[in-house]
């Protein structure tokens, strides 16, 4: 961070401890690490990154998350994915955009997610390949708050194990996925879940992700993202499309608003870094989105905020971010390496 004497072609990594607190978990203690490298130590290749995070809490909860965006030599292959396992409480507020302000229940469960896309370059910046998504929810127990009990059963409340297989088409000309100065990403993917190959439920999901980045000055970047997820069939409650979290509509609890269909649009202006500093920058952002059982998005949700940026790896142009997102329901604070999108 402070005196990087390694050549830009060599891999670079950092590890650091984490600390958090919430009423459901008490104190959470963990560790995180990220590694970045160029395939074949050739800086003309796109920058690959892999990150990991593990934690445990004083309430005997635990988990591990791994993410990666890996390019082969000459960018011929592209692997984008994540692996998540956690024994952790999930706040359940209900389904739809018109839910109340407080959670209805806490769902204690073991959750596993494996999401992987393996894509091959077709021509130029176009990639085509296979997509896989496996989600498993087990040992589920709902703790209904206020002594209440739902009138209807919640699909997936007894657990599920769903495997989705499909295809994806991607246009990607970004050079540094952790801090895009200029470029475009457009992805469309379709996944089908079928009991024939072991899924508990039959459903399908269409996923779209479009991002555009414009370098307005040498230090300033204007970024846009349009995201959508649309499902049909028997969709368990924790596999519904969700708004919130550290990436899209920052400030909302991830999963407070959930339904079969979701869209989100966000924009962000980044100073990377300020003119008066070699390491310190900032960003402001805003977004709108909604969830719906159909395509009638009659209630729009919004969030806005800003944050600091600190140049972590100067030779690789990678920043760490500290963001605060606000919305009518409250706020959220996030600290991560790399931009939200």
Protein backbone atom coordinates (compact mmCIF):
# COMPACT_ATOMS: atom_id res chain seq x y z
CA UNK A 1 0.00 0.00 0.00
CA UNK A 2 2.65 2.51 1.01
CA UNK A 3 5.78 1.54 -0.91
CA UNK A 4 4.96 -0.83 -3.76
CA UNK A 5 8.27 -1.75 -5.38
CA UNK A 6 7.01 -4.81 -7.29
CA UNK A 7 6.64 -4.67 -11.05
CA UNK A 8 3.15 -4.14 -12.41
CA UNK A 9 3.17 -7.59 -14.08
CA UNK A 10 3.57 -9.52 -10.81
CA UNK A 11 0.55 -10.63 -8.76
CA UNK A 12 -0.40 -8.44 -5.82
CA UNK A 13 -2.44 -9.37 -2.75
CA UNK A 14 -3.60 -7.90 0.52
CA UNK A 15 -5.26 -9.38 3.62
CA UNK A 16 -6.95 -7.56 6.48
CA UNK A 17 -9.20 -8.22 9.51
CA UNK A 18 -12.87 -7.19 9.65
CA UNK A 19 -15.20 -6.26 12.50
CA UNK A 20 -18.96 -5.65 12.44
CA UNK A 21 -21.99 -5.58 14.74
CA UNK A 22 -25.73 -6.14 14.30
CA UNK A 23 -28.52 -7.09 16.74
CA UNK A 24 -29.07 -10.46 15.01
CA UNK A 25 -25.41 -11.52 15.15
CA UNK A 26 -23.81 -9.56 17.99
CA UNK A 27 -20.12 -8.93 17.22
CA UNK A 28 -18.82 -10.38 13.96
CA UNK A 29 -15.08 -11.03 13.56
CA UNK A 30 -13.56 -11.99 10.24
CA UNK A 31 -10.76 -11.75 7.71
CA UNK A 32 -10.67 -10.81 4.04
CA UNK A 33 -8.14 -11.05 1.24
CA UNK A 34 -7.89 -10.07 -2.42
CA UNK A 35 -5.38 -10.98 -5.12
CA UNK A 36 -5.01 -9.31 -8.53
CA UNK A 37 -2.86 -10.46 -11.44
CA UNK A 38 -2.42 -10.47 -15.20
CA UNK A 39 -2.51 -13.83 -16.99
CA UNK A 40 0.95 -14.92 -18.10
CA UNK A 41 2.26 -11.79 -16.31
CA UNK A 42 1.31 -9.81 -19.40
CA UNK A 43 -0.21 -6.41 -18.56
CA UNK A 44 -1.87 -6.23 -21.99
CA UNK A 45 -4.23 -8.92 -20.70
CA UNK A 46 -7.20 -7.82 -18.62
CA UNK A 47 -6.70 -7.63 -14.88
CA UNK A 48 -7.98 -10.72 -13.04
CA UNK A 49 -9.07 -10.63 -9.43
CA UNK A 50 -10.12 -13.09 -6.75
CA UNK A 51 -11.32 -12.22 -3.26
CA UNK A 52 -12.38 -14.08 -0.15
CA UNK A 53 -14.03 -13.28 3.16
CA UNK A 54 -14.74 -15.46 6.20
CA UNK A 55 -16.31 -14.63 9.55
CA UNK A 56 -17.82 -15.92 12.77
CA UNK A 57 -20.05 -14.21 15.32
CA UNK A 58 -20.53 -14.37 19.07
CA UNK A 59 -23.94 -16.00 18.37
CA UNK A 60 -22.14 -19.04 16.83
CA UNK A 61 -22.88 -17.99 13.25
CA UNK A 62 -20.28 -18.30 10.52
CA UNK A 63 -19.70 -18.07 6.80
CA UNK A 64 -17.30 -17.74 3.89
CA UNK A 65 -17.64 -15.86 0.58
CA UNK A 66 -15.41 -16.09 -2.50
CA UNK A 67 -15.66 -14.06 -5.72
CA UNK A 68 -13.60 -14.06 -8.89
CA UNK A 69 -13.33 -12.49 -12.35
CA UNK A 70 -10.56 -14.34 -14.21
CA UNK A 71 -9.24 -13.83 -17.74
CA UNK A 72 -6.95 -16.25 -19.56
CA UNK A 73 -4.00 -15.26 -21.75
CA UNK A 74 -5.11 -13.09 -24.69
CA UNK A 75 -8.48 -12.85 -22.90
CA UNK A 76 -9.73 -15.93 -24.76
CA UNK A 77 -11.57 -17.32 -21.73
CA UNK A 78 -13.49 -15.46 -19.02
CA UNK A 79 -14.62 -17.06 -15.73
CA UNK A 80 -16.93 -15.00 -13.52
CA UNK A 81 -18.38 -16.46 -10.37
CA UNK A 82 -18.95 -16.59 -6.65
CA UNK A 83 -19.16 -19.18 -3.88
CA UNK A 84 -20.97 -18.49 -0.63
CA UNK A 85 -21.69 -20.58 2.43
CA UNK A 86 -23.10 -19.24 5.66
CA UNK A 87 -25.04 -20.18 8.76
CA UNK A 88 -26.61 -16.81 9.31
CA UNK A 89 -29.99 -15.18 10.12
CA UNK A 90 -32.02 -13.81 7.20
CA UNK A 91 -34.44 -10.98 7.94
CA UNK A 92 -37.80 -11.62 6.25
CA UNK A 93 -40.05 -8.62 5.60
CA UNK A 94 -42.53 -10.20 3.21
CA UNK A 95 -42.84 -10.27 -0.58
CA UNK A 96 -43.55 -7.36 -2.91
CA UNK A 97 -42.89 -3.62 -3.02
CA UNK A 98 -45.62 -2.60 -0.55
CA UNK A 99 -44.42 -4.33 2.61
CA UNK A 100 -44.31 -2.68 6.03
CA UNK A 101 -41.29 -1.11 7.66
CA UNK A 102 -40.38 -3.83 10.16
CA UNK A 103 -39.31 -7.42 9.58
CA UNK A 104 -41.93 -10.10 10.11
CA UNK A 105 -39.51 -12.87 11.02
CA UNK A 106 -35.90 -13.97 11.31
CA UNK A 107 -35.11 -17.08 9.29
CA UNK A 108 -32.18 -18.99 10.73
CA UNK A 109 -30.73 -21.27 8.05
CA UNK A 110 -27.67 -22.72 6.35
CA UNK A 111 -27.27 -21.24 2.88
CA UNK A 112 -25.01 -22.32 0.02
CA UNK A 113 -24.60 -20.56 -3.33
CA UNK A 114 -22.42 -21.54 -6.29
CA UNK A 115 -22.68 -19.22 -9.30
CA UNK A 116 -20.30 -19.71 -12.22
CA UNK A 117 -20.07 -18.47 -15.80
CA UNK A 118 -17.43 -19.90 -18.13
CA UNK A 119 -17.31 -17.95 -21.37
CA UNK A 120 -15.26 -18.25 -24.57
CA UNK A 121 -14.39 -15.33 -26.80
CA UNK A 122 -16.37 -15.39 -30.05
CA UNK A 123 -15.02 -12.30 -31.77
CA UNK A 124 -13.59 -9.05 -30.50
CA UNK A 125 -15.15 -8.41 -27.08
CA UNK A 126 -18.05 -10.87 -27.43
CA UNK A 127 -18.14 -13.98 -25.20
CA UNK A 128 -20.51 -16.95 -25.16
CA UNK A 129 -20.63 -19.78 -22.66
CA UNK A 130 -22.35 -21.86 -20.03
CA UNK A 131 -23.82 -20.65 -16.77
CA UNK A 132 -24.53 -22.60 -13.59
CA UNK A 133 -26.32 -21.54 -10.43
CA UNK A 134 -26.78 -23.82 -7.42
CA UNK A 135 -28.63 -22.67 -4.31
CA UNK A 136 -29.35 -24.71 -1.21
CA UNK A 137 -31.19 -23.62 1.93
CA UNK A 138 -31.29 -26.12 4.80
CA UNK A 139 -32.03 -26.34 8.53
CA UNK A 140 -34.52 -23.50 8.17
CA UNK A 141 -36.38 -22.23 11.23
CA UNK A 142 -38.53 -19.07 11.26
CA UNK A 143 -38.65 -16.96 14.40
CA UNK A 144 -41.81 -14.89 14.03
CA UNK A 145 -41.50 -11.53 15.69
CA UNK A 146 -44.24 -10.13 17.92
CA UNK A 147 -45.75 -13.57 18.34
CA UNK A 148 -47.33 -13.43 14.89
CA UNK A 149 -47.72 -16.32 12.49
CA UNK A 150 -48.25 -16.09 8.71
CA UNK A 151 -51.58 -17.03 7.20
CA UNK A 152 -50.00 -18.71 4.19
CA UNK A 153 -47.02 -20.99 3.77
CA UNK A 154 -43.85 -19.43 2.37
CA UNK A 155 -42.41 -21.32 -0.57
CA UNK A 156 -39.01 -22.63 0.53
CA UNK A 157 -39.60 -22.35 4.26
CA UNK A 158 -38.76 -26.05 4.64
CA UNK A 159 -35.57 -25.65 2.62
CA UNK A 160 -34.73 -26.38 -0.99
CA UNK A 161 -31.92 -27.41 -3.33
CA UNK A 162 -32.10 -25.90 -6.82
CA UNK A 163 -29.65 -26.33 -9.71
CA UNK A 164 -29.95 -23.99 -12.67
CA UNK A 165 -28.22 -24.60 -16.01
CA UNK A 166 -28.16 -22.21 -18.92
CA UNK A 167 -26.25 -20.00 -21.34
CA UNK A 168 -24.86 -16.49 -21.25
CA UNK A 169 -23.83 -13.93 -23.86
CA UNK A 170 -21.49 -11.12 -22.78
CA UNK A 171 -19.95 -8.06 -24.38
CA UNK A 172 -17.02 -6.87 -22.25
CA UNK A 173 -14.23 -4.46 -23.15
CA UNK A 174 -13.25 -3.47 -19.59
CA UNK A 175 -9.54 -3.69 -18.77
CA UNK A 176 -9.74 -3.38 -14.96
CA UNK A 177 -12.94 -4.85 -13.52
CA UNK A 178 -12.27 -3.35 -10.06
CA UNK A 179 -12.02 0.22 -11.37
CA UNK A 180 -13.31 0.80 -14.89
CA UNK A 181 -12.21 4.13 -16.34
CA UNK A 182 -13.84 3.63 -19.74
CA UNK A 183 -15.71 0.74 -21.29
CA UNK A 184 -18.88 -1.31 -21.50
CA UNK A 185 -20.28 -4.54 -20.08
CA UNK A 186 -23.48 -6.12 -21.33
CA UNK A 187 -24.59 -9.55 -20.13
CA UNK A 188 -27.72 -11.56 -20.76
CA UNK A 189 -28.12 -14.97 -19.16
CA UNK A 190 -30.87 -17.55 -18.95
CA UNK A 191 -31.06 -20.30 -16.33
CA UNK A 192 -33.52 -23.19 -16.12
CA UNK A 193 -34.13 -25.24 -12.95
CA UNK A 194 -35.61 -28.69 -13.47
CA UNK A 195 -36.47 -31.55 -11.04
CA UNK A 196 -35.13 -33.92 -13.71
CA UNK A 197 -31.57 -32.99 -12.69
CA UNK A 198 -32.26 -32.71 -8.98
CA UNK A 199 -33.88 -29.34 -8.35
CA UNK A 200 -36.57 -29.11 -5.71
CA UNK A 201 -38.55 -26.62 -7.82
CA UNK A 202 -39.12 -25.94 -11.51
CA UNK A 203 -38.41 -22.33 -12.47
CA UNK A 204 -36.50 -20.17 -14.92
CA UNK A 205 -34.63 -16.88 -14.58
CA UNK A 206 -33.59 -14.26 -17.13
CA UNK A 207 -30.75 -12.00 -16.01
CA UNK A 208 -29.54 -8.79 -17.67
CA UNK A 209 -26.71 -6.48 -16.62
CA UNK A 210 -25.67 -3.44 -18.66
CA UNK A 211 -22.90 -1.07 -17.54
CA UNK A 212 -21.33 1.96 -19.23
CA UNK A 213 -18.31 3.96 -18.07
CA UNK A 214 -17.17 7.31 -19.43
CA UNK A 215 -13.91 9.04 -18.58
CA UNK A 216 -15.02 12.69 -18.38
CA UNK A 217 -11.56 13.97 -17.39
CA UNK A 218 -8.22 12.37 -16.54
CA UNK A 219 -9.45 11.78 -12.95
CA UNK A 220 -13.24 11.72 -13.26
CA UNK A 221 -15.50 8.82 -14.27
CA UNK A 222 -19.25 8.77 -14.87
CA UNK A 223 -20.78 5.29 -14.58
CA UNK A 224 -24.23 3.83 -15.27
CA UNK A 225 -25.80 0.42 -14.61
CA UNK A 226 -29.13 -1.12 -15.61
CA UNK A 227 -29.82 -4.45 -13.89
CA UNK A 228 -32.77 -6.81 -14.17
CA UNK A 229 -33.76 -10.27 -12.99
CA UNK A 230 -37.03 -11.88 -14.10
CA UNK A 231 -38.27 -15.29 -12.93
CA UNK A 232 -41.14 -17.63 -13.71
CA UNK A 233 -42.37 -20.77 -11.98
CA UNK A 234 -42.09 -21.87 -8.36
CA UNK A 235 -39.50 -19.47 -6.90
CA UNK A 236 -38.51 -20.04 -3.22
CA UNK A 237 -38.55 -16.95 -1.01
CA UNK A 238 -34.75 -16.68 -0.79
CA UNK A 239 -34.29 -17.12 -4.55
CA UNK A 240 -36.59 -14.26 -5.46
CA UNK A 241 -35.11 -11.16 -7.10
CA UNK A 242 -33.90 -8.74 -4.43
CA UNK A 243 -33.00 -5.07 -4.08
CA UNK A 244 -30.31 -3.74 -1.75
CA UNK A 245 -26.88 -4.67 -0.49
CA UNK A 246 -23.41 -3.34 -1.20
CA UNK A 247 -23.70 -3.30 -5.02
CA UNK A 248 -27.16 -2.16 -6.18
CA UNK A 249 -29.45 0.32 -4.34
CA UNK A 250 -27.00 0.76 -1.50
CA UNK A 251 -28.70 1.60 1.79
CA UNK A 252 -31.43 -1.05 1.64
CA UNK A 253 -31.09 -4.33 3.49
CA UNK A 254 -30.51 -6.96 0.80
CA UNK A 255 -33.78 -8.87 0.53
CA UNK A 256 -36.07 -6.43 2.31
CA UNK A 257 -37.81 -5.97 -1.03
CA UNK A 258 -38.09 -9.21 -2.99
CA UNK A 259 -40.37 -10.65 -5.67
CA UNK A 260 -40.23 -12.61 -8.92
CA UNK A 261 -39.14 -9.62 -10.98
CA UNK A 262 -36.73 -6.78 -10.27
CA UNK A 263 -35.07 -3.89 -12.07
CA UNK A 264 -32.57 -1.31 -10.87
CA UNK A 265 -30.93 1.71 -12.48
CA UNK A 266 -28.05 3.51 -10.83
CA UNK A 267 -25.49 6.16 -11.72
CA UNK A 268 -22.29 7.21 -10.00
CA UNK A 269 -19.73 10.00 -10.40
CA UNK A 270 -16.21 9.20 -9.20
CA UNK A 271 -13.22 11.44 -8.47
CA UNK A 272 -10.23 9.04 -8.70
CA UNK A 273 -8.49 10.74 -7.00
CA UNK A 274 -8.98 14.43 -6.21
CA UNK A 275 -6.64 16.90 -7.89
CA UNK A 276 -5.09 17.87 -4.57
CA UNK A 277 -4.30 14.27 -3.52
CA UNK A 278 -2.48 11.29 -4.97
CA UNK A 279 -4.45 8.71 -2.96
CA UNK A 280 -7.79 10.17 -1.77
CA UNK A 281 -10.94 10.41 -3.90
CA UNK A 282 -14.71 10.22 -3.53
CA UNK A 283 -17.94 9.26 -5.27
CA UNK A 284 -21.62 10.21 -5.23
CA UNK A 285 -24.35 7.87 -6.43
CA UNK A 286 -28.11 7.52 -6.83
CA UNK A 287 -30.45 4.79 -7.97
CA UNK A 288 -34.07 3.78 -8.53
CA UNK A 289 -35.58 0.33 -8.74
CA UNK A 290 -38.48 -1.90 -7.79
CA UNK A 291 -39.76 -5.44 -7.45
CA UNK A 292 -43.01 -6.90 -8.74
CA UNK A 293 -44.84 -10.24 -9.18
CA UNK A 294 -45.38 -9.24 -12.82
CA UNK A 295 -44.03 -6.36 -14.88
CA UNK A 296 -46.20 -3.68 -13.28
CA UNK A 297 -43.51 -1.79 -11.36
CA UNK A 298 -45.98 0.69 -9.86
CA UNK A 299 -43.92 1.61 -6.78
CA UNK A 300 -40.43 3.00 -7.33
CA UNK A 301 -37.80 2.82 -4.61
CA UNK A 302 -34.82 5.17 -4.48
CA UNK A 303 -31.48 5.43 -2.75
CA UNK A 304 -28.60 7.91 -2.85
CA UNK A 305 -25.33 8.52 -1.08
CA UNK A 306 -21.63 8.97 -1.36
CA UNK A 307 -18.32 7.79 -0.04
CA UNK A 308 -14.57 8.06 0.16
CA UNK A 309 -12.06 6.35 -2.10
CA UNK A 310 -8.47 5.46 -1.14
CA UNK A 311 -5.98 4.31 -3.78
CA UNK A 312 -4.90 0.90 -2.51
CA UNK A 313 -2.70 -0.41 -5.36
CA UNK A 314 -1.35 2.62 -7.29
CA UNK A 315 0.30 0.58 -10.05
CA UNK A 316 -2.94 -1.28 -10.74
CA UNK A 317 -5.36 1.62 -10.20
CA UNK A 318 -7.40 -0.15 -7.51
CA UNK A 319 -9.26 1.78 -4.81
CA UNK A 320 -10.98 0.73 -1.62
CA UNK A 321 -14.34 2.37 -0.95
CA UNK A 322 -16.29 3.44 2.12
CA UNK A 323 -19.88 4.19 1.07
CA UNK A 324 -22.96 5.40 2.94
CA UNK A 325 -26.29 4.88 1.20
CA UNK A 326 -29.55 6.54 2.27
CA UNK A 327 -33.20 5.79 1.48
CA UNK A 328 -36.64 6.40 3.07
CA UNK A 329 -36.21 3.22 5.17
CA UNK A 330 -32.80 4.10 6.68
CA UNK A 331 -29.18 3.80 5.63
CA UNK A 332 -26.32 1.36 5.14
CA UNK A 333 -22.53 1.58 5.45
CA UNK A 334 -20.23 -0.48 3.25
CA UNK A 335 -16.47 -0.95 2.94
CA UNK A 336 -15.06 -3.00 0.07
CA UNK A 337 -12.10 -3.19 -2.29
CA UNK A 338 -13.17 -2.23 -5.80
CA UNK A 339 -16.15 -0.24 -7.03
CA UNK A 340 -19.77 -1.34 -6.65
CA UNK A 341 -20.05 -1.81 -10.42
